[in-house]
Amino acid sequence: MIRVYWHITRRFYEVRAYRASSKGLTGKYRHFRGKAVKYSSLIENYEAHHKNPEPGGHRLPFGWWAVPSAAAGAGLILFALVIFA
């Protein structure tokens, strides 16, 4: 979620810097451009250190739901046999 905030904030400061430069406000331009660069570097550092070495490495295998479903079904059948037998 923090990365979304960083992307939005970076874009906000880029737009503010552009508006300041179009109005000739060089001091404001430098200020807003510096803020945009700050958030760009935060994003780059985060993405550089949080890359997943294997794409899709944290995914569950196909059909993972079959094992717990079978166990739950067997438990229900056993429960019904105990109660109604």
PDB file of N, CA and C in Angstrom:
ATOM      1  N   MET A   1       0.825  -1.198   0.000  1.00  0.00           N
ATOM      2  CA  MET A   1       0.000   0.000   0.000  1.00  0.00           C
ATOM      3  C   MET A   1       0.868   1.261   0.000  1.00  0.00           C
ATOM      4  N   ILE A   2       2.009   1.173   0.686  1.00  0.00           N
ATOM      5  CA  ILE A   2       2.876   2.351   0.758  1.00  0.00           C
ATOM      6  C   ILE A   2       3.425   2.691  -0.627  1.00  0.00           C
ATOM      7  N   ARG A   3       3.642   1.674  -1.462  1.00  0.00           N
ATOM      8  CA  ARG A   3       4.158   1.944  -2.808  1.00  0.00           C
ATOM      9  C   ARG A   3       3.139   2.726  -3.628  1.00  0.00           C
ATOM     10  N   VAL A   4       1.855   2.430  -3.433  1.00  0.00           N
ATOM     11  CA  VAL A   4       0.816   3.185  -4.138  1.00  0.00           C
ATOM     12  C   VAL A   4       0.892   4.655  -3.737  1.00  0.00           C
ATOM     13  N   TYR A   5       1.053   4.905  -2.448  1.00  0.00           N
ATOM     14  CA  TYR A   5       1.190   6.276  -1.951  1.00  0.00           C
ATOM     15  C   TYR A   5       2.411   6.942  -2.574  1.00  0.00           C
ATOM     16  N   TRP A   6       3.543   6.209  -2.642  1.00  0.00           N
ATOM     17  CA  TRP A   6       4.758   6.780  -3.226  1.00  0.00           C
ATOM     18  C   TRP A   6       4.565   7.134  -4.692  1.00  0.00           C
ATOM     19  N   HIS A   7       3.889   6.260  -5.434  1.00  0.00           N
ATOM     20  CA  HIS A   7       3.661   6.532  -6.862  1.00  0.00           C
ATOM     21  C   HIS A   7       2.768   7.759  -7.058  1.00  0.00           C
ATOM     22  N   ILE A   8       1.707   7.841  -6.268  1.00  0.00           N
ATOM     23  CA  ILE A   8       0.783   8.974  -6.378  1.00  0.00           C
ATOM     24  C   ILE A   8       1.489  10.273  -5.984  1.00  0.00           C
ATOM     25  N   THR A   9       2.256  10.238  -4.887  1.00  0.00           N
ATOM     26  CA  THR A   9       2.953  11.430  -4.420  1.00  0.00           C
ATOM     27  C   THR A   9       4.018  11.870  -5.412  1.00  0.00           C
ATOM     28  N   ARG A  10       4.748  10.906  -5.979  1.00  0.00           N
ATOM     29  CA  ARG A  10       5.761  11.254  -6.976  1.00  0.00           C
ATOM     30  C   ARG A  10       5.122  11.948  -8.170  1.00  0.00           C
ATOM     31  N   ARG A  11       4.019  11.407  -8.647  1.00  0.00           N
ATOM     32  CA  ARG A  11       3.329  11.999  -9.794  1.00  0.00           C
ATOM     33  C   ARG A  11       2.801  13.393  -9.447  1.00  0.00           C
ATOM     34  N   PHE A  12       2.287  13.555  -8.230  1.00  0.00           N
ATOM     35  CA  PHE A  12       1.796  14.852  -7.782  1.00  0.00           C
ATOM     36  C   PHE A  12       2.903  15.897  -7.850  1.00  0.00           C
ATOM     37  N   TYR A  13       4.093  15.548  -7.307  1.00  0.00           N
ATOM     38  CA  TYR A  13       5.198  16.505  -7.312  1.00  0.00           C
ATOM     39  C   TYR A  13       5.751  16.741  -8.710  1.00  0.00           C
ATOM     40  N   GLU A  14       5.700  15.737  -9.590  1.00  0.00           N
ATOM     41  CA  GLU A  14       6.128  15.952 -10.974  1.00  0.00           C
ATOM     42  C   GLU A  14       5.221  16.972 -11.664  1.00  0.00           C
ATOM     43  N   VAL A  15       3.925  16.848 -11.447  1.00  0.00           N
ATOM     44  CA  VAL A  15       2.973  17.784 -12.049  1.00  0.00           C
ATOM     45  C   VAL A  15       3.160  19.174 -11.468  1.00  0.00           C
ATOM     46  N   ARG A  16       3.342  19.269 -10.146  1.00  0.00           N
ATOM     47  CA  ARG A  16       3.562  20.584  -9.530  1.00  0.00           C
ATOM     48  C   ARG A  16       4.841  21.226 -10.051  1.00  0.00           C
ATOM     49  N   ALA A  17       5.883  20.414 -10.254  1.00  0.00           N
ATOM     50  CA  ALA A  17       7.141  20.944 -10.795  1.00  0.00           C
ATOM     51  C   ALA A  17       6.940  21.448 -12.215  1.00  0.00           C
ATOM     52  N   TYR A  18       6.179  20.725 -13.006  1.00  0.00           N
ATOM     53  CA  TYR A  18       5.913  21.153 -14.375  1.00  0.00           C
ATOM     54  C   TYR A  18       5.148  22.481 -14.385  1.00  0.00           C
ATOM     55  N   ARG A  19       4.134  22.588 -13.521  1.00  0.00           N
ATOM     56  CA  ARG A  19       3.355  23.834 -13.467  1.00  0.00           C
ATOM     57  C   ARG A  19       4.216  24.998 -13.009  1.00  0.00           C
ATOM     58  N   ALA A  20       5.096  24.750 -12.042  1.00  0.00           N
ATOM     59  CA  ALA A  20       5.977  25.815 -11.564  1.00  0.00           C
ATOM     60  C   ALA A  20       6.945  26.250 -12.661  1.00  0.00           C
ATOM     61  N   SER A  21       7.450  25.291 -13.432  1.00  0.00           N
ATOM     62  CA  SER A  21       8.394  25.659 -14.494  1.00  0.00           C
ATOM     63  C   SER A  21       7.688  26.417 -15.618  1.00  0.00           C
ATOM     64  N   SER A  22       6.439  26.075 -15.875  1.00  0.00           N
ATOM     65  CA  SER A  22       5.715  26.775 -16.939  1.00  0.00           C
ATOM     66  C   SER A  22       5.366  28.208 -16.529  1.00  0.00           C
ATOM     67  N   LYS A  23       5.324  28.465 -15.228  1.00  0.00           N
ATOM     68  CA  LYS A  23       5.042  29.824 -14.743  1.00  0.00           C
ATOM     69  C   LYS A  23       6.319  30.597 -14.429  1.00  0.00           C
ATOM     70  N   GLY A  24       7.474  29.946 -14.627  1.00  0.00           N
ATOM     71  CA  GLY A  24       8.738  30.637 -14.404  1.00  0.00           C
ATOM     72  C   GLY A  24       9.187  30.681 -12.964  1.00  0.00           C
ATOM     73  N   LEU A  25       8.648  29.851 -12.125  1.00  0.00           N
ATOM     74  CA  LEU A  25       9.011  29.832 -10.703  1.00  0.00           C
ATOM     75  C   LEU A  25      10.109  28.792 -10.491  1.00  0.00           C
ATOM     76  N   THR A  26      11.349  29.187 -10.717  1.00  0.00           N
ATOM     77  CA  THR A  26      12.442  28.216 -10.679  1.00  0.00           C
ATOM     78  C   THR A  26      12.700  27.668  -9.277  1.00  0.00           C
ATOM     79  N   GLY A  27      12.512  28.483  -8.253  1.00  0.00           N
ATOM     80  CA  GLY A  27      12.710  28.000  -6.882  1.00  0.00           C
ATOM     81  C   GLY A  27      11.712  26.902  -6.535  1.00  0.00           C
ATOM     82  N   LYS A  28      10.451  27.153  -6.865  1.00  0.00           N
ATOM     83  CA  LYS A  28       9.409  26.150  -6.620  1.00  0.00           C
ATOM     84  C   LYS A  28       9.648  24.907  -7.476  1.00  0.00           C
ATOM     85  N   TYR A  29      10.122  25.139  -8.724  1.00  0.00           N
ATOM     86  CA  TYR A  29      10.395  24.007  -9.606  1.00  0.00           C
ATOM     87  C   TYR A  29      11.441  23.091  -8.976  1.00  0.00           C
ATOM     88  N   ARG A  30      12.535  23.670  -8.489  1.00  0.00           N
ATOM     89  CA  ARG A  30      13.591  22.865  -7.880  1.00  0.00           C
ATOM     90  C   ARG A  30      13.083  22.122  -6.641  1.00  0.00           C
ATOM     91  N   HIS A  31      12.258  22.822  -5.852  1.00  0.00           N
ATOM     92  CA  HIS A  31      11.705  22.199  -4.646  1.00  0.00           C
ATOM     93  C   HIS A  31      10.842  20.989  -5.001  1.00  0.00           C
ATOM     94  N   PHE A  32       9.891  21.169  -5.914  1.00  0.00           N
ATOM     95  CA  PHE A  32       8.988  20.075  -6.280  1.00  0.00           C
ATOM     96  C   PHE A  32       9.719  18.970  -7.034  1.00  0.00           C
ATOM     97  N   ARG A  33      10.697  19.341  -7.857  1.00  0.00           N
ATOM     98  CA  ARG A  33      11.467  18.332  -8.588  1.00  0.00           C
ATOM     99  C   ARG A  33      12.280  17.482  -7.604  1.00  0.00           C
ATOM    100  N   GLY A  34      12.802  18.114  -6.568  1.00  0.00           N
ATOM    101  CA  GLY A  34      13.535  17.374  -5.539  1.00  0.00           C
ATOM    102  C   GLY A  34      12.650  16.389  -4.803  1.00  0.00           C
ATOM    103  N   LYS A  35      11.425  16.812  -4.506  1.00  0.00           N
ATOM    104  CA  LYS A  35      10.480  15.917  -3.843  1.00  0.00           C
ATOM    105  C   LYS A  35      10.126  14.739  -4.746  1.00  0.00           C
ATOM    106  N   ALA A  36       9.920  15.002  -6.033  1.00  0.00           N
ATOM    107  CA  ALA A  36       9.595  13.928  -6.977  1.00  0.00           C
ATOM    108  C   ALA A  36      10.747  12.930  -7.074  1.00  0.00           C
ATOM    109  N   VAL A  37      11.970  13.443  -7.094  1.00  0.00           N
ATOM    110  CA  VAL A  37      13.145  12.565  -7.158  1.00  0.00           C
ATOM    111  C   VAL A  37      13.250  11.730  -5.880  1.00  0.00           C
ATOM    112  N   LYS A  38      12.903  12.321  -4.751  1.00  0.00           N
ATOM    113  CA  LYS A  38      12.940  11.591  -3.485  1.00  0.00           C
ATOM    114  C   LYS A  38      12.023  10.372  -3.547  1.00  0.00           C
ATOM    115  N   TYR A  39      10.788  10.572  -4.006  1.00  0.00           N
ATOM    116  CA  TYR A  39       9.854   9.459  -4.074  1.00  0.00           C
ATOM    117  C   TYR A  39      10.236   8.469  -5.165  1.00  0.00           C
ATOM    118  N   SER A  40      10.856   8.946  -6.245  1.00  0.00           N
ATOM    119  CA  SER A  40      11.337   8.030  -7.280  1.00  0.00           C
ATOM    120  C   SER A  40      12.420   7.118  -6.720  1.00  0.00           C
ATOM    121  N   SER A  41      13.323   7.680  -5.927  1.00  0.00           N
ATOM    122  CA  SER A  41      14.394   6.859  -5.361  1.00  0.00           C
ATOM    123  C   SER A  41      13.849   5.889  -4.317  1.00  0.00           C
ATOM    124  N   LEU A  42      12.829   6.293  -3.559  1.00  0.00           N
ATOM    125  CA  LEU A  42      12.200   5.363  -2.617  1.00  0.00           C
ATOM    126  C   LEU A  42      11.614   4.168  -3.353  1.00  0.00           C
ATOM    127  N   ILE A  43      10.926   4.453  -4.446  1.00  0.00           N
ATOM    128  CA  ILE A  43      10.310   3.381  -5.235  1.00  0.00           C
ATOM    129  C   ILE A  43      11.386   2.465  -5.807  1.00  0.00           C
ATOM    130  N   GLU A  44      12.442   3.042  -6.382  1.00  0.00           N
ATOM    131  CA  GLU A  44      13.509   2.228  -6.979  1.00  0.00           C
ATOM    132  C   GLU A  44      14.205   1.369  -5.928  1.00  0.00           C
ATOM    133  N   ASN A  45      14.512   1.938  -4.769  1.00  0.00           N
ATOM    134  CA  ASN A  45      15.171   1.161  -3.711  1.00  0.00           C
ATOM    135  C   ASN A  45      14.283   0.035  -3.211  1.00  0.00           C
ATOM    136  N   TYR A  46      13.004   0.311  -3.040  1.00  0.00           N
ATOM    137  CA  TYR A  46      12.083  -0.727  -2.567  1.00  0.00           C
ATOM    138  C   TYR A  46      12.001  -1.855  -3.580  1.00  0.00           C
ATOM    139  N   GLU A  47      11.839  -1.501  -4.855  1.00  0.00           N
ATOM    140  CA  GLU A  47      11.704  -2.537  -5.879  1.00  0.00           C
ATOM    141  C   GLU A  47      12.997  -3.309  -6.070  1.00  0.00           C
ATOM    142  N   ALA A  48      14.138  -2.675  -5.878  1.00  0.00           N
ATOM    143  CA  ALA A  48      15.420  -3.372  -6.026  1.00  0.00           C
ATOM    144  C   ALA A  48      15.625  -4.404  -4.919  1.00  0.00           C
ATOM    145  N   HIS A  49      15.132  -4.117  -3.720  1.00  0.00           N
ATOM    146  CA  HIS A  49      15.358  -5.026  -2.595  1.00  0.00           C
ATOM    147  C   HIS A  49      14.227  -6.021  -2.376  1.00  0.00           C
ATOM    148  N   HIS A  50      13.123  -5.849  -3.072  1.00  0.00           N
ATOM    149  CA  HIS A  50      11.985  -6.741  -2.860  1.00  0.00           C
ATOM    150  C   HIS A  50      11.596  -7.502  -4.123  1.00  0.00           C
ATOM    151  N   LYS A  51      12.549  -7.722  -5.000  1.00  0.00           N
ATOM    152  CA  LYS A  51      12.269  -8.511  -6.197  1.00  0.00           C
ATOM    153  C   LYS A  51      12.163  -9.978  -5.810  1.00  0.00           C
ATOM    154  N   ASN A  52      11.199 -10.662  -6.402  1.00  0.00           N
ATOM    155  CA  ASN A  52      11.044 -12.093  -6.203  1.00  0.00           C
ATOM    156  C   ASN A  52      11.955 -12.801  -7.199  1.00  0.00           C
ATOM    157  N   PRO A  53      12.912 -13.625  -6.750  1.00  0.00           N
ATOM    158  CA  PRO A  53      13.837 -14.253  -7.692  1.00  0.00           C
ATOM    159  C   PRO A  53      13.148 -15.197  -8.673  1.00  0.00           C
ATOM    160  N   GLU A  54      12.078 -15.848  -8.245  1.00  0.00           N
ATOM    161  CA  GLU A  54      11.321 -16.718  -9.135  1.00  0.00           C
ATOM    162  C   GLU A  54       9.962 -16.089  -9.390  1.00  0.00           C
ATOM    163  N   PRO A  55       9.619 -15.849 -10.650  1.00  0.00           N
ATOM    164  CA  PRO A  55       8.273 -15.333 -10.888  1.00  0.00           C
ATOM    165  C   PRO A  55       7.240 -16.389 -10.516  1.00  0.00           C
ATOM    166  N   GLY A  56       6.285 -15.996  -9.718  1.00  0.00           N
ATOM    167  CA  GLY A  56       5.252 -16.938  -9.282  1.00  0.00           C
ATOM    168  C   GLY A  56       5.746 -17.903  -8.220  1.00  0.00           C
ATOM    169  N   GLY A  57       6.787 -17.577  -7.512  1.00  0.00           N
ATOM    170  CA  GLY A  57       7.369 -18.481  -6.531  1.00  0.00           C
ATOM    171  C   GLY A  57       6.509 -18.710  -5.300  1.00  0.00           C
ATOM    172  N   HIS A  58       5.597 -17.815  -4.995  1.00  0.00           N
ATOM    173  CA  HIS A  58       4.784 -17.933  -3.787  1.00  0.00           C
ATOM    174  C   HIS A  58       3.387 -18.436  -4.067  1.00  0.00           C
ATOM    175  N   ARG A  59       3.161 -18.951  -5.244  1.00  0.00           N
ATOM    176  CA  ARG A  59       1.818 -19.425  -5.586  1.00  0.00           C
ATOM    177  C   ARG A  59       1.595 -20.829  -5.058  1.00  0.00           C
ATOM    178  N   LEU A  60       0.363 -21.118  -4.713  1.00  0.00           N
ATOM    179  CA  LEU A  60       0.014 -22.471  -4.280  1.00  0.00           C
ATOM    180  C   LEU A  60      -0.107 -23.360  -5.513  1.00  0.00           C
ATOM    181  N   PRO A  61       0.183 -24.642  -5.380  1.00  0.00           N
ATOM    182  CA  PRO A  61       0.082 -25.526  -6.539  1.00  0.00           C
ATOM    183  C   PRO A  61      -1.364 -25.685  -6.984  1.00  0.00           C
ATOM    184  N   PHE A  62      -1.520 -26.055  -8.260  1.00  0.00           N
ATOM    185  CA  PHE A  62      -2.860 -26.236  -8.811  1.00  0.00           C
ATOM    186  C   PHE A  62      -3.566 -27.358  -8.054  1.00  0.00           C
ATOM    187  N   GLY A  63      -4.821 -27.141  -7.701  1.00  0.00           N
ATOM    188  CA  GLY A  63      -5.612 -28.158  -7.006  1.00  0.00           C
ATOM    189  C   GLY A  63      -5.337 -28.228  -5.511  1.00  0.00           C
ATOM    190  N   TRP A  64      -4.739 -27.193  -4.941  1.00  0.00           N
ATOM    191  CA  TRP A  64      -4.409 -27.197  -3.516  1.00  0.00           C
ATOM    192  C   TRP A  64      -5.655 -27.343  -2.665  1.00  0.00           C
ATOM    193  N   TRP A  65      -6.778 -26.884  -3.164  1.00  0.00           N
ATOM    194  CA  TRP A  65      -8.027 -26.900  -2.412  1.00  0.00           C
ATOM    195  C   TRP A  65      -8.590 -28.311  -2.281  1.00  0.00           C
ATOM    196  N   ALA A  66      -8.144 -29.266  -3.118  1.00  0.00           N
ATOM    197  CA  ALA A  66      -8.684 -30.623  -3.093  1.00  0.00           C
ATOM    198  C   ALA A  66      -8.339 -31.345  -1.789  1.00  0.00           C
ATOM    199  N   VAL A  67      -7.154 -31.148  -1.273  1.00  0.00           N
ATOM    200  CA  VAL A  67      -6.735 -31.850  -0.052  1.00  0.00           C
ATOM    201  C   VAL A  67      -7.541 -31.400   1.158  1.00  0.00           C
ATOM    202  N   PRO A  68      -7.663 -30.079   1.432  1.00  0.00           N
ATOM    203  CA  PRO A  68      -8.487 -29.699   2.590  1.00  0.00           C
ATOM    204  C   PRO A  68      -9.962 -30.045   2.401  1.00  0.00           C
ATOM    205  N   SER A  69     -10.443 -29.976   1.158  1.00  0.00           N
ATOM    206  CA  SER A  69     -11.845 -30.320   0.908  1.00  0.00           C
ATOM    207  C   SER A  69     -12.099 -31.789   1.187  1.00  0.00           C
ATOM    208  N   ALA A  70     -11.190 -32.640   0.761  1.00  0.00           N
ATOM    209  CA  ALA A  70     -11.346 -34.072   1.012  1.00  0.00           C
ATOM    210  C   ALA A  70     -11.296 -34.367   2.504  1.00  0.00           C
ATOM    211  N   ALA A  71     -10.397 -33.693   3.209  1.00  0.00           N
ATOM    212  CA  ALA A  71     -10.299 -33.905   4.654  1.00  0.00           C
ATOM    213  C   ALA A  71     -11.574 -33.435   5.358  1.00  0.00           C
ATOM    214  N   ALA A  72     -12.103 -32.300   4.933  1.00  0.00           N
ATOM    215  CA  ALA A  72     -13.341 -31.789   5.540  1.00  0.00           C
ATOM    216  C   ALA A  72     -14.513 -32.716   5.226  1.00  0.00           C
ATOM    217  N   GLY A  73     -14.584 -33.204   3.998  1.00  0.00           N
ATOM    218  CA  GLY A  73     -15.658 -34.125   3.617  1.00  0.00           C
ATOM    219  C   GLY A  73     -15.589 -35.420   4.399  1.00  0.00           C
ATOM    220  N   ALA A  74     -14.378 -35.954   4.562  1.00  0.00           N
ATOM    221  CA  ALA A  74     -14.214 -37.185   5.338  1.00  0.00           C
ATOM    222  C   ALA A  74     -14.601 -36.953   6.794  1.00  0.00           C
ATOM    223  N   GLY A  75     -14.249 -35.773   7.306  1.00  0.00           N
ATOM    224  CA  GLY A  75     -14.622 -35.449   8.684  1.00  0.00           C
ATOM    225  C   GLY A  75     -16.129 -35.357   8.868  1.00  0.00           C
ATOM    226  N   LEU A  76     -16.808 -34.774   7.889  1.00  0.00           N
ATOM    227  CA  LEU A  76     -18.273 -34.674   7.971  1.00  0.00           C
ATOM    228  C   LEU A  76     -18.929 -36.045   7.892  1.00  0.00           C
ATOM    229  N   ILE A  77     -18.421 -36.896   7.017  1.00  0.00           N
ATOM    230  CA  ILE A  77     -18.989 -38.243   6.901  1.00  0.00           C
ATOM    231  C   ILE A  77     -18.766 -39.021   8.193  1.00  0.00           C
ATOM    232  N   LEU A  78     -17.564 -38.922   8.752  1.00  0.00           N
ATOM    233  CA  LEU A  78     -17.273 -39.598  10.009  1.00  0.00           C
ATOM    234  C   LEU A  78     -18.152 -39.060  11.128  1.00  0.00           C
ATOM    235  N   PHE A  79     -18.329 -37.762  11.165  1.00  0.00           N
ATOM    236  CA  PHE A  79     -19.192 -37.138  12.181  1.00  0.00           C
ATOM    237  C   PHE A  79     -20.633 -37.639  12.034  1.00  0.00           C
ATOM    238  N   ALA A  80     -21.128 -37.718  10.796  1.00  0.00           N
ATOM    239  CA  ALA A  80     -22.497 -38.194  10.562  1.00  0.00           C
ATOM    240  C   ALA A  80     -22.636 -39.656  10.966  1.00  0.00           C
ATOM    241  N   LEU A  81     -21.623 -40.489  10.705  1.00  0.00           N
ATOM    242  CA  LEU A  81     -21.690 -41.878  11.094  1.00  0.00           C
ATOM    243  C   LEU A  81     -21.723 -42.050  12.612  1.00  0.00           C
ATOM    244  N   VAL A  82     -20.959 -41.221  13.297  1.00  0.00           N
ATOM    245  CA  VAL A  82     -20.916 -41.305  14.758  1.00  0.00           C
ATOM    246  C   VAL A  82     -22.239 -40.848  15.363  1.00  0.00           C
ATOM    247  N   ILE A  83     -22.799 -39.760  14.833  1.00  0.00           N
ATOM    248  CA  ILE A  83     -24.039 -39.189  15.389  1.00  0.00           C
ATOM    249  C   ILE A  83     -25.247 -40.078  15.081  1.00  0.00           C
ATOM    250  N   PHE A  84     -25.365 -40.533  13.829  1.00  0.00           N
ATOM    251  CA  PHE A  84     -26.570 -41.251  13.416  1.00  0.00           C
ATOM    252  C   PHE A  84     -26.446 -42.757  13.478  1.00  0.00           C
ATOM    253  N   ALA A  85     -25.342 -43.289  13.944  1.00  0.00           N
ATOM    254  CA  ALA A  85     -25.194 -44.748  14.005  1.00  0.00           C
ATOM    255  C   ALA A  85     -25.682 -45.308  15.297  1.00  0.00           C
TER     256      ALA A  85
END
